Amino acid sequence: MEEDKSIQITTSESEQEGARQITVAYNLGGDLASAAELFTAEVVYSKFVQQCRVDIQGLVRRLLKAGKPDEEIYAAVSSYTPTIAAKRGRTDIEKAQALLGKLTPEQKAALLAELEMED
């Protein structure tokens, strides 16, 4: 019997506590050859290019936010090499920062005041 190569994907409808969450399984193949067999080499390559583009955009965005000069950004992109992605979700701190970023200054002040009262 062939080994199941399905990956488990868990996601929720939003980042709010108590949001509906579901885990699904999907077979992407266990390696490059089986993925190409399942989806064609063209699709696998297209997804590879798409992910590399996202990686490079993220690299450039981080360097721009850090105020790096164009020459340093060009050099970083020239030395970019795709790597095996680490499976990682956002930390609780990152999730909280994303939610706090959506609050108005008044809402943030009220929340901080409330949290200080709890200590």
C-alpha atoms as a PDB file:
ATOM      1  CA  MET A   1       0.000   0.000   0.000  1.00  0.00           C
ATOM      2  CA  GLU A   2       1.335   3.458  -0.963  1.00  0.00           C
ATOM      3  CA  GLU A   3       2.259   5.790   1.875  1.00  0.00           C
ATOM      4  CA  ASP A   4      -0.043   8.808   2.321  1.00  0.00           C
ATOM      5  CA  LYS A   5       1.929  11.966   1.518  1.00  0.00           C
ATOM      6  CA  SER A   6      -0.869  14.374   2.437  1.00  0.00           C
ATOM      7  CA  ILE A   7       0.014  17.504   4.338  1.00  0.00           C
ATOM      8  CA  GLN A   8      -2.148  18.881   7.102  1.00  0.00           C
ATOM      9  CA  ILE A   9      -3.201  22.522   6.754  1.00  0.00           C
ATOM     10  CA  THR A  10      -4.877  24.291   9.645  1.00  0.00           C
ATOM     11  CA  THR A  11      -6.418  27.709   9.217  1.00  0.00           C
ATOM     12  CA  SER A  12      -9.134  29.878  10.691  1.00  0.00           C
ATOM     13  CA  GLU A  13     -11.562  32.424   9.309  1.00  0.00           C
ATOM     14  CA  SER A  14      -9.852  35.239  11.221  1.00  0.00           C
ATOM     15  CA  GLU A  15      -7.241  35.881  13.894  1.00  0.00           C
ATOM     16  CA  GLN A  16      -9.870  36.634  16.516  1.00  0.00           C
ATOM     17  CA  GLU A  17     -10.093  34.363  19.519  1.00  0.00           C
ATOM     18  CA  GLY A  18     -12.822  31.776  19.091  1.00  0.00           C
ATOM     19  CA  ALA A  19     -12.835  32.065  15.292  1.00  0.00           C
ATOM     20  CA  ARG A  20     -13.862  28.941  13.420  1.00  0.00           C
ATOM     21  CA  GLN A  21     -10.863  26.746  12.622  1.00  0.00           C
ATOM     22  CA  ILE A  22     -10.450  23.712  10.389  1.00  0.00           C
ATOM     23  CA  THR A  23      -7.691  21.269   9.446  1.00  0.00           C
ATOM     24  CA  VAL A  24      -7.688  19.754   5.958  1.00  0.00           C
ATOM     25  CA  ALA A  25      -5.425  17.252   4.228  1.00  0.00           C
ATOM     26  CA  TYR A  26      -4.068  17.606   0.703  1.00  0.00           C
ATOM     27  CA  ASN A  27      -1.647  15.402  -1.223  1.00  0.00           C
ATOM     28  CA  LEU A  28       1.132  17.506  -2.728  1.00  0.00           C
ATOM     29  CA  GLY A  29       3.349  14.498  -3.362  1.00  0.00           C
ATOM     30  CA  GLY A  30       6.213  13.441  -1.171  1.00  0.00           C
ATOM     31  CA  ASP A  31       9.005  14.890  -3.309  1.00  0.00           C
ATOM     32  CA  LEU A  32       9.694  16.860  -6.481  1.00  0.00           C
ATOM     33  CA  ALA A  33       9.186  13.920  -8.822  1.00  0.00           C
ATOM     34  CA  SER A  34       5.838  12.902  -7.356  1.00  0.00           C
ATOM     35  CA  ALA A  35       4.655  16.520  -7.252  1.00  0.00           C
ATOM     36  CA  ALA A  36       5.528  16.889 -10.947  1.00  0.00           C
ATOM     37  CA  GLU A  37       3.738  13.619 -11.653  1.00  0.00           C
ATOM     38  CA  LEU A  38       0.623  14.819  -9.829  1.00  0.00           C
ATOM     39  CA  PHE A  39       0.529  18.383 -11.165  1.00  0.00           C
ATOM     40  CA  THR A  40       3.017  18.573 -14.123  1.00  0.00           C
ATOM     41  CA  ALA A  41       6.499  20.047 -14.042  1.00  0.00           C
ATOM     42  CA  GLU A  42       5.153  23.335 -15.405  1.00  0.00           C
ATOM     43  CA  VAL A  43       2.824  23.815 -12.429  1.00  0.00           C
ATOM     44  CA  VAL A  44       5.524  22.858  -9.911  1.00  0.00           C
ATOM     45  CA  TYR A  45       7.988  25.282 -11.508  1.00  0.00           C
ATOM     46  CA  SER A  46       5.371  28.044 -11.643  1.00  0.00           C
ATOM     47  CA  LYS A  47       4.676  27.625  -7.912  1.00  0.00           C
ATOM     48  CA  PHE A  48       8.415  27.644  -7.222  1.00  0.00           C
ATOM     49  CA  VAL A  49       8.860  30.931  -9.107  1.00  0.00           C
ATOM     50  CA  GLN A  50       5.826  32.412  -7.364  1.00  0.00           C
ATOM     51  CA  GLN A  51       7.208  31.554  -3.906  1.00  0.00           C
ATOM     52  CA  CYS A  52      10.689  32.841  -4.751  1.00  0.00           C
ATOM     53  CA  ARG A  53       9.122  36.122  -5.872  1.00  0.00           C
ATOM     54  CA  VAL A  54       7.322  36.407  -2.507  1.00  0.00           C
ATOM     55  CA  ASP A  55      10.554  35.587  -0.648  1.00  0.00           C
ATOM     56  CA  ILE A  56      12.521  38.224  -2.574  1.00  0.00           C
ATOM     57  CA  GLN A  57       9.782  40.829  -2.080  1.00  0.00           C
ATOM     58  CA  GLY A  58       9.903  40.150   1.663  1.00  0.00           C
ATOM     59  CA  LEU A  59      13.690  40.450   1.699  1.00  0.00           C
ATOM     60  CA  VAL A  60      13.577  43.764  -0.178  1.00  0.00           C
ATOM     61  CA  ARG A  61      10.746  45.084   2.023  1.00  0.00           C
ATOM     62  CA  ARG A  62      12.708  44.309   5.209  1.00  0.00           C
ATOM     63  CA  LEU A  63      15.798  46.052   3.841  1.00  0.00           C
ATOM     64  CA  LEU A  64      13.802  49.083   2.690  1.00  0.00           C
ATOM     65  CA  LYS A  65      12.182  49.385   6.138  1.00  0.00           C
ATOM     66  CA  ALA A  66      15.658  49.175   7.681  1.00  0.00           C
ATOM     67  CA  GLY A  67      16.759  52.130   5.535  1.00  0.00           C
ATOM     68  CA  LYS A  68      19.412  50.183   3.620  1.00  0.00           C
ATOM     69  CA  PRO A  69      20.881  51.817   0.483  1.00  0.00           C
ATOM     70  CA  ASP A  70      19.903  50.520  -2.958  1.00  0.00           C
ATOM     71  CA  GLU A  71      23.345  48.987  -3.526  1.00  0.00           C
ATOM     72  CA  GLU A  72      22.996  46.837  -0.399  1.00  0.00           C
ATOM     73  CA  ILE A  73      19.527  45.731  -1.474  1.00  0.00           C
ATOM     74  CA  TYR A  74      20.770  44.784  -4.960  1.00  0.00           C
ATOM     75  CA  ALA A  75      23.627  42.816  -3.386  1.00  0.00           C
ATOM     76  CA  ALA A  76      21.266  40.993  -1.016  1.00  0.00           C
ATOM     77  CA  VAL A  77      18.988  40.025  -3.901  1.00  0.00           C
ATOM     78  CA  SER A  78      21.985  38.877  -5.979  1.00  0.00           C
ATOM     79  CA  SER A  79      23.077  36.571  -3.168  1.00  0.00           C
ATOM     80  CA  TYR A  80      19.544  35.258  -2.464  1.00  0.00           C
ATOM     81  CA  THR A  81      19.260  31.468  -2.596  1.00  0.00           C
ATOM     82  CA  PRO A  82      15.990  29.602  -2.064  1.00  0.00           C
ATOM     83  CA  THR A  83      16.070  27.393   1.015  1.00  0.00           C
ATOM     84  CA  ILE A  84      13.832  24.792   2.547  1.00  0.00           C
ATOM     85  CA  ALA A  85      11.035  26.668   4.237  1.00  0.00           C
ATOM     86  CA  ALA A  86      10.624  26.237   7.954  1.00  0.00           C
ATOM     87  CA  LYS A  87       7.078  25.455   8.963  1.00  0.00           C
ATOM     88  CA  ARG A  88       6.152  28.405  11.089  1.00  0.00           C
ATOM     89  CA  GLY A  89       3.032  30.153  12.205  1.00  0.00           C
ATOM     90  CA  ARG A  90       2.952  33.590  13.698  1.00  0.00           C
ATOM     91  CA  THR A  91       3.758  33.869  17.389  1.00  0.00           C
ATOM     92  CA  ASP A  92       1.185  35.186  19.845  1.00  0.00           C
ATOM     93  CA  ILE A  93       3.159  38.441  20.005  1.00  0.00           C
ATOM     94  CA  GLU A  94       3.076  38.800  16.203  1.00  0.00           C
ATOM     95  CA  LYS A  95      -0.666  38.113  16.176  1.00  0.00           C
ATOM     96  CA  ALA A  96      -1.241  40.692  18.922  1.00  0.00           C
ATOM     97  CA  GLN A  97       0.871  43.256  17.058  1.00  0.00           C
ATOM     98  CA  ALA A  98      -1.156  42.698  13.893  1.00  0.00           C
ATOM     99  CA  LEU A  99      -4.405  43.217  15.788  1.00  0.00           C
ATOM    100  CA  LEU A 100      -3.102  46.249  17.682  1.00  0.00           C
ATOM    101  CA  GLY A 101      -1.990  47.813  14.425  1.00  0.00           C
ATOM    102  CA  LYS A 102      -5.645  47.987  13.381  1.00  0.00           C
ATOM    103  CA  LEU A 103      -6.687  49.981  16.447  1.00  0.00           C
ATOM    104  CA  THR A 104      -7.008  53.753  16.514  1.00  0.00           C
ATOM    105  CA  PRO A 105      -4.674  55.641  18.879  1.00  0.00           C
ATOM    106  CA  GLU A 106      -7.629  56.163  21.216  1.00  0.00           C
ATOM    107  CA  GLN A 107      -8.467  52.439  21.239  1.00  0.00           C
ATOM    108  CA  LYS A 108      -4.823  51.570  21.938  1.00  0.00           C
ATOM    109  CA  ALA A 109      -4.683  54.040  24.841  1.00  0.00           C
ATOM    110  CA  ALA A 110      -7.889  52.639  26.321  1.00  0.00           C
ATOM    111  CA  LEU A 111      -6.636  49.072  26.004  1.00  0.00           C
ATOM    112  CA  LEU A 112      -3.278  49.898  27.600  1.00  0.00           C
ATOM    113  CA  ALA A 113      -5.014  51.683  30.466  1.00  0.00           C
ATOM    114  CA  GLU A 114      -7.246  48.652  31.000  1.00  0.00           C
ATOM    115  CA  LEU A 115      -4.292  46.261  30.945  1.00  0.00           C
ATOM    116  CA  GLU A 116      -2.365  48.394  33.450  1.00  0.00           C
ATOM    117  CA  MET A 117      -5.349  48.243  35.821  1.00  0.00           C
ATOM    118  CA  GLU A 118      -5.264  44.427  35.679  1.00  0.00           C
ATOM    119  CA  ASP A 119      -1.673  44.225  37.018  1.00  0.00           C
END
